[in-house]
Protein backbone atom coordinates (compact mmCIF):
# COMPACT_ATOMS: atom_id res chain seq x y z
CA MET A 1 -34.25 50.67 9.78
CA THR A 2 -32.30 53.26 11.73
CA THR A 3 -29.57 55.23 9.97
CA THR A 4 -27.18 57.40 11.93
CA SER A 5 -24.25 59.43 10.60
CA ILE A 6 -21.47 61.51 12.10
CA ASP A 7 -18.30 63.25 10.94
CA ILE A 8 -15.03 62.42 12.69
CA ASP A 9 -11.77 64.34 12.47
CA ARG A 10 -9.64 61.32 11.56
CA PRO A 11 -8.63 59.58 8.31
CA ALA A 12 -11.03 57.02 6.84
CA ASP A 13 -8.56 54.11 7.20
CA ASP A 14 -8.23 54.68 10.95
CA VAL A 15 -11.95 55.19 11.52
CA PHE A 16 -12.88 52.10 9.49
CA ALA A 17 -10.42 49.90 11.42
CA TYR A 18 -11.89 51.03 14.74
CA VAL A 19 -15.61 51.13 13.94
CA THR A 20 -15.59 47.62 12.41
CA ASP A 21 -13.46 45.95 15.12
CA PRO A 22 -15.78 43.98 17.45
CA THR A 23 -13.19 44.07 20.24
CA GLN A 24 -13.76 47.84 20.37
CA PHE A 25 -17.58 47.88 20.28
CA HIS A 26 -17.85 48.04 24.08
CA GLU A 27 -16.03 51.39 24.03
CA TRP A 28 -18.76 53.16 22.07
CA GLN A 29 -21.88 50.99 21.85
CA GLN A 30 -24.34 50.97 24.73
CA GLY A 31 -24.85 47.56 26.31
CA VAL A 32 -21.93 45.79 24.63
CA VAL A 33 -19.91 43.78 27.16
CA SER A 34 -17.44 42.12 24.77
CA GLY A 35 -16.86 41.18 21.16
CA GLY A 36 -14.43 39.51 18.83
CA MET A 37 -13.88 37.50 15.68
CA GLU A 38 -14.09 33.71 15.83
CA GLU A 39 -11.45 33.19 13.15
CA PRO A 40 -7.88 34.50 13.53
CA GLY A 41 -6.43 36.93 11.01
CA THR A 42 -8.02 39.55 8.85
CA PRO A 43 -11.82 39.28 8.72
CA THR A 44 -13.31 38.47 5.31
CA VAL A 45 -16.81 37.91 3.97
CA GLY A 46 -18.03 34.77 5.74
CA SER A 47 -16.04 35.40 8.96
CA HIS A 48 -18.00 35.18 12.20
CA CYS A 49 -18.27 38.05 14.66
CA THR A 50 -19.30 37.34 18.25
CA MET A 51 -20.69 39.86 20.68
CA THR A 52 -22.15 39.82 24.16
CA ARG A 53 -24.66 42.50 25.14
CA ARG A 54 -26.21 43.23 28.50
CA ILE A 55 -29.96 43.03 27.86
CA GLY A 56 -32.62 42.84 30.54
CA GLY A 57 -30.08 42.28 33.31
CA ALA A 58 -28.38 39.31 31.61
CA ASN A 59 -25.45 38.89 29.25
CA ARG A 60 -26.72 37.68 25.88
CA PRO A 61 -24.24 36.33 23.32
CA SER A 62 -24.87 36.56 19.59
CA THR A 63 -23.07 35.61 16.41
CA SER A 64 -23.10 37.46 13.10
CA VAL A 65 -21.55 36.67 9.75
CA VAL A 66 -19.60 39.32 7.84
CA THR A 67 -21.54 39.90 4.61
CA LYS A 68 -19.50 42.79 3.21
CA MET A 69 -15.87 43.77 3.75
CA ASN A 70 -14.46 46.57 1.59
CA PRO A 71 -11.83 48.44 3.66
CA PRO A 72 -11.77 51.34 4.21
CA THR A 73 -15.28 52.13 2.97
CA SER A 74 -17.89 49.48 3.82
CA TRP A 75 -18.59 46.58 6.16
CA ALA A 76 -21.76 44.68 6.99
CA VAL A 77 -22.84 41.86 9.28
CA HIS A 78 -26.00 39.78 9.59
CA GLY A 79 -27.01 38.07 12.84
CA ILE A 80 -27.33 34.29 12.52
CA ASP A 81 -28.58 33.17 15.93
CA GLY A 82 -31.04 34.13 18.63
CA PRO A 83 -34.56 35.53 18.46
CA ILE A 84 -33.35 39.03 17.47
CA ARG A 85 -30.81 39.21 14.63
CA ALA A 86 -29.15 42.48 13.71
CA LEU A 87 -28.38 43.62 10.19
CA VAL A 88 -25.68 46.28 10.37
CA ASP A 89 -24.19 48.15 7.42
CA VAL A 90 -21.33 50.61 8.02
CA THR A 91 -20.06 53.09 5.44
CA VAL A 92 -16.99 55.27 5.99
CA ARG A 93 -16.42 58.08 3.51
CA ALA A 94 -13.29 60.23 3.42
CA LEU A 95 -14.20 63.92 3.52
CA ASP A 96 -10.54 64.82 3.01
CA ASP A 97 -7.19 63.36 4.15
CA ALA A 98 -7.94 63.98 7.82
CA ARG A 99 -11.74 63.75 8.16
CA SER A 100 -14.32 61.04 7.62
CA SER A 101 -18.07 60.57 7.65
CA VAL A 102 -19.45 57.39 9.23
CA SER A 103 -22.94 56.14 8.44
CA ILE A 104 -24.42 53.14 10.26
CA ASP A 105 -27.64 51.44 9.13
CA VAL A 106 -29.18 49.09 11.69
CA ASP A 107 -32.22 46.85 11.30
CA PHE A 108 -33.40 43.62 12.87
CA GLU A 109 -35.04 40.33 11.98
CA GLY A 110 -37.19 38.58 14.53
CA HIS A 111 -37.33 34.81 14.97
CA GLY A 112 -39.72 33.13 17.42
CA ILE A 113 -40.54 35.63 20.18
CA GLY A 114 -38.31 38.10 18.34
CA LYS A 115 -41.05 38.52 15.72
CA LEU A 116 -43.05 40.35 18.39
CA LEU A 117 -40.15 42.14 20.06
CA VAL A 118 -38.53 43.64 16.96
CA PRO A 119 -41.40 45.93 15.90
CA LEU A 120 -42.66 46.65 19.42
CA VAL A 121 -39.40 47.27 21.32
CA VAL A 122 -36.13 46.60 19.51
CA ARG A 123 -36.35 49.03 16.59
CA ARG A 124 -37.50 51.85 18.87
CA GLN A 125 -34.71 51.15 21.36
CA ALA A 126 -32.12 51.12 18.57
CA ALA A 127 -33.43 54.44 17.24
CA LYS A 128 -32.91 55.93 20.72
CA GLU A 129 -29.47 54.38 21.27
CA MET A 130 -27.78 55.00 17.92
CA PRO A 131 -27.38 58.80 18.17
CA ALA A 132 -25.73 58.37 21.59
CA ASN A 133 -23.55 55.55 20.25
CA VAL A 134 -22.15 57.61 17.38
CA ALA A 135 -21.69 60.59 19.73
CA ARG A 136 -19.56 58.32 21.98
CA LEU A 137 -17.70 57.17 18.87
CA LYS A 138 -16.88 60.78 17.94
CA ASP A 139 -16.01 61.67 21.54
CA ARG A 140 -13.64 58.70 21.73
CA TRP A 141 -11.75 60.06 18.71
CA SER A 142 -11.80 63.71 19.81
CA ARG A 143 -10.04 62.94 23.12
CA ALA A 144 -7.31 60.75 21.59
CA PRO A 145 -7.39 58.36 18.69
CA PRO A 146 -8.04 54.76 19.72
CA ALA A 147 -4.96 52.59 19.44
CA VAL A 148 -6.16 50.45 16.56
CA VAL A 149 -4.98 49.94 13.00
CA CYS A 150 -5.98 47.42 10.37
CA ASP A 151 -3.16 46.21 8.14
CA ALA A 152 -3.13 43.68 5.34
CA LEU A 153 -2.37 40.75 7.65
CA ILE A 154 -4.03 41.20 11.07
CA TRP A 155 -5.94 43.58 13.29
CA ALA A 156 -3.49 44.89 15.87
CA ARG A 157 -3.47 47.26 18.82
CA ILE A 158 -0.64 49.78 18.96
CA SER A 159 0.21 52.76 21.13
CA PRO A 160 -1.46 55.89 19.82
CA VAL A 161 0.68 58.57 18.28
CA VAL A 162 -0.36 61.96 19.57
CA THR A 163 0.73 64.93 17.50
């Protein structure tokens, strides 16, 4: 398992909404081409998250199920298809009213050929990528907050308010 943490100068609610929104993954995660939720509305435990990553020169889609959803503190998904299935657990902790700490645990299960690839390649690659991913996440917030909020009904994009 790879665990990576970083502090971000934004409130926990805002950071949680952004870091757990699959439509935003491409902005801060290496190799992500696109992402989204299969079901409309607010994601809940059991909702399906889809993502396409560029791996080995090809776009590879994957589906995960949300296994934990406790806004604004914790979220987890578990891959349900393909030879390499990610297990991702995100924790957002408020440091004060304006700052948060984000911790992301990533591990993988191999199925078929993935049983060989996970220990030989995938875990090592993730350990290399995750520090850069969270650095991009922090950089994204330090330039201007992403235009994302999570309310009680839907995930929505709004214009950022710069103060």
